[in-house]
N, C-alpha and C. Protein backbone atom coordinates (compact mmCIF):
# COMPACT_ATOMS: atom_id res chain seq x y z
N GLN A 1 -17.80 -4.25 -7.36
CA GLN A 1 -16.93 -5.29 -6.89
C GLN A 1 -15.83 -4.69 -6.02
N VAL A 2 -15.40 -5.43 -5.01
CA VAL A 2 -14.35 -4.98 -4.11
C VAL A 2 -13.04 -4.86 -4.88
N GLN A 3 -12.31 -3.77 -4.64
CA GLN A 3 -11.02 -3.54 -5.28
C GLN A 3 -9.89 -3.76 -4.27
N LEU A 4 -8.91 -4.56 -4.67
CA LEU A 4 -7.77 -4.87 -3.81
C LEU A 4 -6.47 -4.60 -4.56
N VAL A 5 -5.52 -3.99 -3.88
CA VAL A 5 -4.22 -3.70 -4.47
C VAL A 5 -3.13 -4.16 -3.52
N GLU A 6 -2.29 -5.09 -4.00
CA GLU A 6 -1.19 -5.62 -3.20
C GLU A 6 0.08 -4.81 -3.42
N SER A 7 0.90 -4.73 -2.38
CA SER A 7 2.18 -4.03 -2.48
C SER A 7 3.12 -4.54 -1.39
N GLY A 8 4.38 -4.14 -1.48
CA GLY A 8 5.36 -4.48 -0.45
C GLY A 8 6.33 -5.59 -0.82
N GLY A 9 6.16 -6.19 -1.98
CA GLY A 9 7.06 -7.26 -2.39
C GLY A 9 8.42 -6.72 -2.77
N GLY A 10 9.35 -7.65 -3.00
CA GLY A 10 10.69 -7.26 -3.38
C GLY A 10 11.65 -8.41 -3.28
N LEU A 11 12.93 -8.10 -3.35
CA LEU A 11 14.00 -9.10 -3.25
C LEU A 11 14.54 -9.12 -1.83
N VAL A 12 14.64 -10.32 -1.26
CA VAL A 12 15.14 -10.47 0.10
C VAL A 12 15.99 -11.74 0.19
N GLN A 13 16.99 -11.73 1.06
CA GLN A 13 17.84 -12.90 1.24
C GLN A 13 17.16 -13.94 2.11
N PRO A 14 17.53 -15.21 1.96
CA PRO A 14 16.97 -16.25 2.83
C PRO A 14 17.15 -15.88 4.30
N GLY A 15 16.10 -16.10 5.10
CA GLY A 15 16.12 -15.75 6.50
C GLY A 15 15.64 -14.34 6.77
N GLY A 16 15.44 -13.56 5.73
CA GLY A 16 15.00 -12.19 5.87
C GLY A 16 13.50 -12.06 6.05
N SER A 17 13.03 -10.81 6.09
CA SER A 17 11.62 -10.53 6.34
C SER A 17 11.06 -9.51 5.36
N LEU A 18 9.77 -9.59 5.12
CA LEU A 18 9.03 -8.62 4.32
C LEU A 18 7.63 -8.49 4.90
N ARG A 19 7.03 -7.32 4.73
CA ARG A 19 5.64 -7.12 5.10
C ARG A 19 4.85 -6.68 3.88
N LEU A 20 3.89 -7.49 3.48
CA LEU A 20 3.05 -7.18 2.35
C LEU A 20 1.79 -6.45 2.82
N SER A 21 1.27 -5.58 1.96
CA SER A 21 0.07 -4.84 2.26
C SER A 21 -0.99 -5.08 1.20
N CYS A 22 -2.24 -5.05 1.61
CA CYS A 22 -3.37 -5.20 0.71
C CYS A 22 -4.35 -4.09 1.01
N ALA A 23 -4.42 -3.12 0.12
CA ALA A 23 -5.33 -1.99 0.28
C ALA A 23 -6.71 -2.36 -0.23
N HIS A 24 -7.73 -2.07 0.56
CA HIS A 24 -9.11 -2.43 0.28
C HIS A 24 -9.94 -1.18 0.05
N SER A 25 -10.64 -1.13 -1.09
CA SER A 25 -11.45 0.04 -1.42
C SER A 25 -12.94 -0.21 -1.22
N GLY A 26 -13.30 -1.27 -0.56
CA GLY A 26 -14.69 -1.59 -0.31
C GLY A 26 -15.32 -0.70 0.74
N SER A 27 -16.53 -1.07 1.15
CA SER A 27 -17.28 -0.26 2.08
C SER A 27 -16.86 -0.48 3.53
N ILE A 28 -17.32 -1.57 4.13
CA ILE A 28 -17.01 -1.86 5.52
C ILE A 28 -15.94 -2.93 5.59
N PHE A 29 -14.70 -2.50 5.73
CA PHE A 29 -13.56 -3.40 5.71
C PHE A 29 -13.63 -4.49 6.76
N ASP A 30 -14.02 -4.15 7.95
CA ASP A 30 -14.03 -5.09 9.06
C ASP A 30 -15.02 -6.24 8.86
N MET A 31 -15.96 -6.08 7.94
CA MET A 31 -16.98 -7.10 7.72
C MET A 31 -16.54 -8.19 6.74
N TYR A 32 -15.38 -8.03 6.12
CA TYR A 32 -14.91 -8.98 5.13
C TYR A 32 -13.93 -9.98 5.71
N VAL A 33 -14.08 -11.24 5.28
CA VAL A 33 -13.08 -12.25 5.57
C VAL A 33 -12.00 -12.12 4.50
N MET A 34 -10.75 -11.94 4.92
CA MET A 34 -9.65 -11.71 4.00
C MET A 34 -8.67 -12.87 3.99
N GLY A 35 -7.99 -13.02 2.86
CA GLY A 35 -7.02 -14.09 2.75
C GLY A 35 -5.83 -13.71 1.89
N TRP A 36 -4.72 -14.42 2.09
CA TRP A 36 -3.52 -14.27 1.28
C TRP A 36 -3.25 -15.57 0.53
N PHE A 37 -2.79 -15.44 -0.71
CA PHE A 37 -2.48 -16.57 -1.57
C PHE A 37 -1.16 -16.29 -2.27
N ARG A 38 -0.58 -17.31 -2.88
CA ARG A 38 0.62 -17.10 -3.68
C ARG A 38 0.65 -18.09 -4.83
N GLN A 39 1.39 -17.72 -5.87
CA GLN A 39 1.54 -18.57 -7.04
C GLN A 39 2.97 -18.47 -7.56
N ALA A 40 3.66 -19.60 -7.54
CA ALA A 40 5.01 -19.67 -8.07
C ALA A 40 4.96 -20.06 -9.54
N PRO A 41 6.01 -19.76 -10.30
CA PRO A 41 6.04 -20.11 -11.72
C PRO A 41 5.81 -21.60 -11.94
N GLY A 42 4.89 -21.93 -12.84
CA GLY A 42 4.61 -23.31 -13.16
C GLY A 42 3.77 -24.05 -12.14
N LYS A 43 3.31 -23.38 -11.11
CA LYS A 43 2.51 -24.01 -10.07
C LYS A 43 1.14 -23.34 -9.95
N GLN A 44 0.21 -24.05 -9.33
CA GLN A 44 -1.12 -23.50 -9.10
C GLN A 44 -1.09 -22.54 -7.91
N ARG A 45 -2.08 -21.65 -7.89
CA ARG A 45 -2.20 -20.74 -6.77
C ARG A 45 -2.53 -21.53 -5.51
N GLU A 46 -1.88 -21.18 -4.39
CA GLU A 46 -2.11 -21.88 -3.14
C GLU A 46 -2.48 -20.90 -2.03
N TRP A 47 -3.30 -21.37 -1.12
CA TRP A 47 -3.75 -20.58 0.00
C TRP A 47 -2.68 -20.50 1.08
N ILE A 48 -2.55 -19.33 1.69
CA ILE A 48 -1.56 -19.10 2.74
C ILE A 48 -2.20 -18.89 4.10
N ALA A 49 -3.13 -17.93 4.18
CA ALA A 49 -3.70 -17.57 5.48
C ALA A 49 -5.05 -16.89 5.31
N THR A 50 -5.85 -16.93 6.36
CA THR A 50 -7.16 -16.29 6.38
C THR A 50 -7.35 -15.52 7.68
N LEU A 51 -7.96 -14.35 7.57
CA LEU A 51 -8.32 -13.54 8.73
C LEU A 51 -9.83 -13.38 8.71
N THR A 52 -10.48 -13.78 9.79
CA THR A 52 -11.94 -13.74 9.84
C THR A 52 -12.45 -12.33 10.10
N ARG A 53 -13.78 -12.16 10.02
CA ARG A 53 -14.39 -10.87 10.27
C ARG A 53 -14.02 -10.35 11.65
N GLY A 54 -13.59 -9.09 11.69
CA GLY A 54 -13.21 -8.47 12.94
C GLY A 54 -11.90 -8.99 13.51
N GLY A 55 -11.21 -9.82 12.76
CA GLY A 55 -9.94 -10.37 13.23
C GLY A 55 -10.11 -11.34 14.38
N GLY A 56 -11.27 -11.98 14.43
CA GLY A 56 -11.56 -12.89 15.53
C GLY A 56 -10.69 -14.12 15.58
N SER A 57 -10.23 -14.58 14.42
CA SER A 57 -9.39 -15.76 14.37
C SER A 57 -8.59 -15.77 13.09
N THR A 58 -7.53 -16.56 13.08
CA THR A 58 -6.67 -16.70 11.92
C THR A 58 -6.43 -18.17 11.63
N ASN A 59 -6.14 -18.46 10.37
CA ASN A 59 -5.79 -19.80 9.95
C ASN A 59 -4.61 -19.71 8.99
N TYR A 60 -3.70 -20.69 9.08
CA TYR A 60 -2.50 -20.68 8.26
C TYR A 60 -2.24 -22.03 7.63
N ALA A 61 -1.65 -22.00 6.44
CA ALA A 61 -1.16 -23.22 5.83
C ALA A 61 0.02 -23.73 6.65
N ASP A 62 0.19 -25.04 6.69
CA ASP A 62 1.24 -25.63 7.52
C ASP A 62 2.63 -25.10 7.17
N PHE A 63 2.87 -24.83 5.90
CA PHE A 63 4.22 -24.44 5.49
C PHE A 63 4.60 -23.02 5.87
N VAL A 64 3.66 -22.24 6.45
CA VAL A 64 3.99 -20.89 6.90
C VAL A 64 3.77 -20.69 8.39
N LYS A 65 3.24 -21.68 9.08
CA LYS A 65 2.98 -21.55 10.51
C LYS A 65 4.26 -21.24 11.27
N GLY A 66 4.17 -20.23 12.14
CA GLY A 66 5.33 -19.82 12.91
C GLY A 66 6.22 -18.83 12.20
N ARG A 67 5.97 -18.60 10.92
CA ARG A 67 6.79 -17.68 10.14
C ARG A 67 5.99 -16.48 9.62
N PHE A 68 4.75 -16.70 9.19
CA PHE A 68 3.91 -15.64 8.62
C PHE A 68 2.80 -15.26 9.58
N THR A 69 2.39 -13.98 9.53
CA THR A 69 1.29 -13.49 10.35
C THR A 69 0.39 -12.59 9.53
N ILE A 70 -0.92 -12.89 9.52
CA ILE A 70 -1.89 -12.05 8.84
C ILE A 70 -2.56 -11.14 9.86
N SER A 71 -2.75 -9.87 9.52
CA SER A 71 -3.37 -8.91 10.41
C SER A 71 -4.06 -7.83 9.59
N ARG A 72 -4.78 -6.94 10.28
CA ARG A 72 -5.48 -5.87 9.58
C ARG A 72 -5.47 -4.57 10.37
N ASP A 73 -5.56 -3.46 9.64
CA ASP A 73 -5.72 -2.14 10.21
C ASP A 73 -7.02 -1.59 9.64
N ASN A 74 -8.09 -1.70 10.39
CA ASN A 74 -9.41 -1.30 9.90
C ASN A 74 -9.48 0.18 9.53
N ALA A 75 -8.82 1.03 10.30
CA ALA A 75 -8.85 2.46 10.04
C ALA A 75 -8.25 2.81 8.68
N LYS A 76 -7.32 2.00 8.21
CA LYS A 76 -6.66 2.27 6.94
C LYS A 76 -7.12 1.33 5.83
N ASN A 77 -8.12 0.50 6.11
CA ASN A 77 -8.63 -0.46 5.12
C ASN A 77 -7.49 -1.27 4.50
N THR A 78 -6.66 -1.83 5.36
CA THR A 78 -5.48 -2.54 4.90
C THR A 78 -5.30 -3.86 5.64
N VAL A 79 -4.95 -4.89 4.90
CA VAL A 79 -4.59 -6.19 5.46
C VAL A 79 -3.11 -6.41 5.22
N PHE A 80 -2.42 -6.98 6.20
CA PHE A 80 -0.98 -7.19 6.10
C PHE A 80 -0.64 -8.67 6.15
N LEU A 81 0.52 -8.99 5.59
CA LEU A 81 1.10 -10.31 5.74
C LEU A 81 2.56 -10.11 6.12
N GLN A 82 2.87 -10.33 7.40
CA GLN A 82 4.24 -10.24 7.87
C GLN A 82 4.92 -11.58 7.62
N MET A 83 6.01 -11.56 6.88
CA MET A 83 6.71 -12.78 6.50
C MET A 83 8.12 -12.75 7.09
N ASN A 84 8.41 -13.71 7.96
CA ASN A 84 9.72 -13.83 8.58
C ASN A 84 10.36 -15.16 8.19
N SER A 85 11.66 -15.26 8.41
CA SER A 85 12.40 -16.48 8.11
C SER A 85 12.10 -16.99 6.70
N LEU A 86 12.18 -16.10 5.74
CA LEU A 86 11.82 -16.44 4.37
C LEU A 86 12.79 -17.45 3.77
N LYS A 87 12.24 -18.32 2.94
CA LYS A 87 12.99 -19.37 2.28
C LYS A 87 12.91 -19.19 0.76
N PRO A 88 13.87 -19.72 0.01
CA PRO A 88 13.80 -19.61 -1.45
C PRO A 88 12.49 -20.13 -2.02
N GLU A 89 11.93 -21.17 -1.42
CA GLU A 89 10.68 -21.72 -1.90
C GLU A 89 9.47 -20.83 -1.66
N ASP A 90 9.66 -19.73 -0.93
CA ASP A 90 8.60 -18.74 -0.74
C ASP A 90 8.50 -17.80 -1.94
N THR A 91 9.43 -17.90 -2.86
CA THR A 91 9.41 -17.05 -4.05
C THR A 91 8.14 -17.29 -4.85
N ALA A 92 7.38 -16.22 -5.08
CA ALA A 92 6.10 -16.32 -5.77
C ALA A 92 5.48 -14.94 -5.91
N VAL A 93 4.40 -14.87 -6.67
CA VAL A 93 3.57 -13.67 -6.70
C VAL A 93 2.51 -13.85 -5.63
N TYR A 94 2.38 -12.87 -4.75
CA TYR A 94 1.46 -12.95 -3.62
C TYR A 94 0.22 -12.11 -3.89
N TYR A 95 -0.94 -12.68 -3.59
CA TYR A 95 -2.22 -12.04 -3.81
C TYR A 95 -3.05 -12.02 -2.54
N CYS A 96 -3.88 -10.99 -2.38
CA CYS A 96 -4.89 -11.01 -1.34
C CYS A 96 -6.24 -11.19 -1.99
N ASN A 97 -7.23 -11.57 -1.19
CA ASN A 97 -8.57 -11.74 -1.73
C ASN A 97 -9.59 -11.62 -0.60
N VAL A 98 -10.86 -11.55 -0.98
CA VAL A 98 -11.95 -11.38 -0.04
C VAL A 98 -13.04 -12.40 -0.35
N LEU A 99 -13.71 -12.88 0.67
CA LEU A 99 -14.80 -13.82 0.46
C LEU A 99 -15.99 -13.11 -0.18
N ASP A 100 -16.49 -13.70 -1.26
CA ASP A 100 -17.68 -13.22 -1.96
C ASP A 100 -18.77 -14.25 -1.70
N GLY A 101 -19.53 -14.04 -0.65
CA GLY A 101 -20.48 -15.04 -0.21
C GLY A 101 -19.72 -16.14 0.51
N THR A 102 -19.75 -17.34 -0.04
CA THR A 102 -19.04 -18.46 0.55
C THR A 102 -17.79 -18.84 -0.23
N ARG A 103 -17.47 -18.09 -1.29
CA ARG A 103 -16.31 -18.37 -2.11
C ARG A 103 -15.40 -17.15 -2.19
N TRP A 104 -14.12 -17.40 -2.48
CA TRP A 104 -13.20 -16.30 -2.72
C TRP A 104 -13.58 -15.62 -4.03
N SER A 105 -13.43 -14.30 -4.06
CA SER A 105 -13.74 -13.54 -5.25
C SER A 105 -12.97 -14.08 -6.45
N SER A 106 -13.64 -14.12 -7.60
CA SER A 106 -13.02 -14.60 -8.82
C SER A 106 -12.20 -13.51 -9.51
N SER A 107 -12.25 -12.30 -8.99
CA SER A 107 -11.51 -11.18 -9.56
C SER A 107 -10.19 -11.00 -8.81
N TRP A 108 -9.09 -11.43 -9.45
CA TRP A 108 -7.76 -11.33 -8.85
C TRP A 108 -7.01 -10.12 -9.37
N GLY A 109 -6.25 -9.49 -8.49
CA GLY A 109 -5.44 -8.35 -8.87
C GLY A 109 -4.13 -8.77 -9.50
N GLN A 110 -3.19 -7.84 -9.58
CA GLN A 110 -1.89 -8.12 -10.19
C GLN A 110 -0.92 -8.81 -9.24
N GLY A 111 -1.18 -8.71 -7.94
CA GLY A 111 -0.30 -9.32 -6.97
C GLY A 111 0.99 -8.53 -6.80
N THR A 112 1.85 -9.01 -5.91
CA THR A 112 3.15 -8.39 -5.68
C THR A 112 4.22 -9.48 -5.63
N GLN A 113 5.31 -9.27 -6.35
CA GLN A 113 6.36 -10.28 -6.48
C GLN A 113 7.26 -10.33 -5.27
N VAL A 114 7.46 -11.52 -4.74
CA VAL A 114 8.40 -11.76 -3.65
C VAL A 114 9.46 -12.73 -4.15
N THR A 115 10.72 -12.32 -4.08
CA THR A 115 11.82 -13.16 -4.52
C THR A 115 12.79 -13.34 -3.37
N VAL A 116 13.03 -14.59 -2.98
CA VAL A 116 13.94 -14.91 -1.89
C VAL A 116 15.16 -15.59 -2.49
N SER A 117 16.29 -14.90 -2.47
CA SER A 117 17.50 -15.42 -3.10
C SER A 117 18.72 -14.72 -2.53
N SER A 118 19.85 -15.45 -2.51
CA SER A 118 21.10 -14.87 -2.04
C SER A 118 21.67 -13.91 -3.06
């Protein structure tokens, strides 16, 4: 099974920025469709963004459009989530994932905590 490890979270003030990283231990990184998700306390996990194979296209949830950017560095087997103009409601544990066939993998990592507060 593909192994993913998230990092880069932390405490940031409203309006600030963070860049999250997702290290991939699989075989051919560029062949995987990757995505970012988040889960706030008491809420269900929600989808944020998707990066297609080879980085051909991206898709974003409406609430992050214009603020977040998903990208990848194939040489380092890493997917990034650049987060700008952060809001308190962005506070959550952030996870990355990979498509397993036509569905997202059911194996979730520990995620990385992002806290937006003054």
